[in-house]
Amino acid sequence: MMVALKCNSKSSDIKAYDYKIKNINLKIDNKNPLYNTYLEVGDVDLGVYKINDFNLINTTIKDTLFFRTEFKGGVTNNDSYALSFYHTFNAETGIGYWYKKIGNQF
C-alpha cells in the first residue's frame, strides 16, 4: 500500500557558496496520474554557466523513475536543452541510469 504524499514549496531565492537559484517551485504528489514531481526554476547561476527556465517532471512506474527536463542556458540564453532519462534498479545488474537526448540547440 502506497502512502499518499503531497507537498508544494516555493522559494524566491537560494544562495549557497557562489551559486544562486531564483524562483523555485516544487510540487510533489505521488497519487497524481500525470506526474509525481514537478520542479520549475527561473534562474540558476553556477558562476561558469547560467541556466534559465528550468523545468523537470518525474513519474514512477513500478521500480523505475522517469524524468524529462527542458531548460535554456549560456551567456546569452541561446542554448536550449531537452533531455529524458530514467533510473531503475535491476537485481542482476544493479542500479541503471539511461538518458535520451531529445534535442539541443546552440
Protein backbone atom coordinates (compact mmCIF):
# COMPACT_ATOMS: atom_id res chain seq x y z
CA MET A 1 0.00 0.00 0.00
CA MET A 2 1.42 3.36 -1.04
CA VAL A 3 1.19 6.24 1.40
CA ALA A 4 -0.04 9.47 -0.18
CA LEU A 5 2.49 12.29 -0.24
CA LYS A 6 1.58 15.77 -1.38
CA CYS A 7 3.77 18.84 -0.97
CA ASN A 8 4.05 22.29 -2.57
CA SER A 9 7.04 24.50 -1.90
CA LYS A 10 8.09 27.87 -3.31
CA SER A 11 11.22 29.90 -2.72
CA SER A 12 12.20 33.18 -4.28
CA ASP A 13 15.98 32.97 -3.76
CA ILE A 14 18.57 30.48 -2.52
CA LYS A 15 22.28 31.26 -2.25
CA ALA A 16 24.99 28.74 -1.35
CA TYR A 17 28.70 29.39 -1.81
CA ASP A 18 28.96 31.03 -5.26
CA TYR A 19 25.73 29.50 -6.58
CA LYS A 20 22.42 31.35 -6.88
CA ILE A 21 19.00 29.86 -7.60
CA LYS A 22 15.93 32.04 -8.10
CA ASN A 23 12.18 31.43 -8.33
CA ILE A 24 11.89 27.79 -7.27
CA ASN A 25 8.56 25.97 -7.44
CA LEU A 26 8.47 22.32 -6.30
CA LYS A 27 5.33 20.16 -6.40
CA ILE A 28 5.25 16.56 -5.17
CA ASP A 29 2.16 14.37 -5.46
CA ASN A 30 2.70 10.62 -5.70
CA LYS A 31 -1.00 10.00 -6.39
CA ASN A 32 -1.14 12.30 -9.43
CA PRO A 33 -1.54 10.18 -12.61
CA LEU A 34 0.37 12.69 -14.79
CA TYR A 35 3.44 13.38 -12.65
CA ASN A 36 4.86 12.64 -9.21
CA THR A 37 7.26 15.57 -9.06
CA TYR A 38 7.36 18.88 -10.90
CA LEU A 39 10.27 21.28 -10.43
CA GLU A 40 10.39 24.72 -12.00
CA VAL A 41 13.35 27.07 -11.53
CA GLY A 42 13.58 30.55 -13.04
CA ASP A 43 17.34 31.16 -12.92
CA VAL A 44 20.42 29.18 -11.86
CA ASP A 45 23.81 30.90 -11.74
CA LEU A 46 26.66 28.42 -11.35
CA GLY A 47 29.34 31.04 -11.84
CA VAL A 48 30.70 29.46 -15.04
CA TYR A 49 27.31 28.74 -16.65
CA LYS A 50 23.81 30.15 -16.33
CA ILE A 51 20.57 28.20 -16.68
CA ASN A 52 17.11 29.72 -17.23
CA ASP A 53 13.55 28.41 -17.48
CA PHE A 54 14.43 25.00 -15.99
CA ASN A 55 11.53 22.52 -15.89
CA LEU A 56 11.69 18.92 -14.69
CA ILE A 57 8.86 16.43 -14.46
CA ASN A 58 9.03 12.95 -12.92
CA THR A 59 6.79 9.92 -12.81
CA THR A 60 7.29 6.46 -11.34
CA ILE A 61 6.26 3.21 -12.98
CA LYS A 62 6.94 0.11 -10.89
CA ASP A 63 10.58 0.44 -9.76
CA THR A 64 11.65 2.94 -12.44
CA LEU A 65 11.83 6.73 -12.11
CA PHE A 66 11.29 8.54 -15.42
CA PHE A 67 12.38 12.18 -15.83
CA ARG A 68 12.06 14.81 -18.54
CA THR A 69 13.73 18.18 -18.35
CA GLU A 70 13.93 21.25 -20.55
CA PHE A 71 15.95 24.39 -19.97
CA LYS A 72 17.88 27.21 -21.61
CA GLY A 73 21.38 28.31 -20.78
CA GLY A 74 24.55 30.10 -21.74
CA VAL A 75 25.73 33.66 -21.50
CA THR A 76 23.10 34.92 -23.95
CA ASN A 77 20.48 32.28 -23.02
CA ASN A 78 20.56 30.81 -26.55
CA ASP A 79 21.45 27.20 -25.62
CA SER A 80 18.31 25.02 -25.45
CA TYR A 81 18.22 21.54 -23.90
CA ALA A 82 15.59 18.80 -23.75
CA LEU A 83 16.53 15.53 -22.03
CA SER A 84 14.70 12.39 -20.98
CA PHE A 85 16.30 9.96 -18.57
CA TYR A 86 15.42 7.26 -16.12
CA HIS A 87 16.76 5.49 -13.07
CA THR A 88 16.00 1.88 -12.20
CA PHE A 89 17.25 -0.99 -10.08
CA ASN A 90 17.83 -4.38 -11.64
CA ALA A 91 18.65 -7.31 -9.32
CA GLU A 92 21.07 -8.74 -11.90
CA THR A 93 22.94 -5.62 -12.99
CA GLY A 94 22.34 -3.26 -10.08
CA ILE A 95 21.41 0.38 -10.49
CA GLY A 96 20.99 1.67 -14.02
CA TYR A 97 20.86 5.16 -15.47
CA TRP A 98 19.95 5.93 -19.06
CA TYR A 99 19.29 9.14 -20.90
CA LYS A 100 17.94 10.14 -24.26
CA LYS A 101 18.85 13.47 -25.75
CA ILE A 102 15.67 14.90 -27.22
CA GLY A 103 17.32 17.95 -28.69
CA ASN A 104 19.95 20.59 -28.11
CA GLN A 105 20.22 23.88 -29.91
CA PHE A 106 23.30 26.07 -29.62
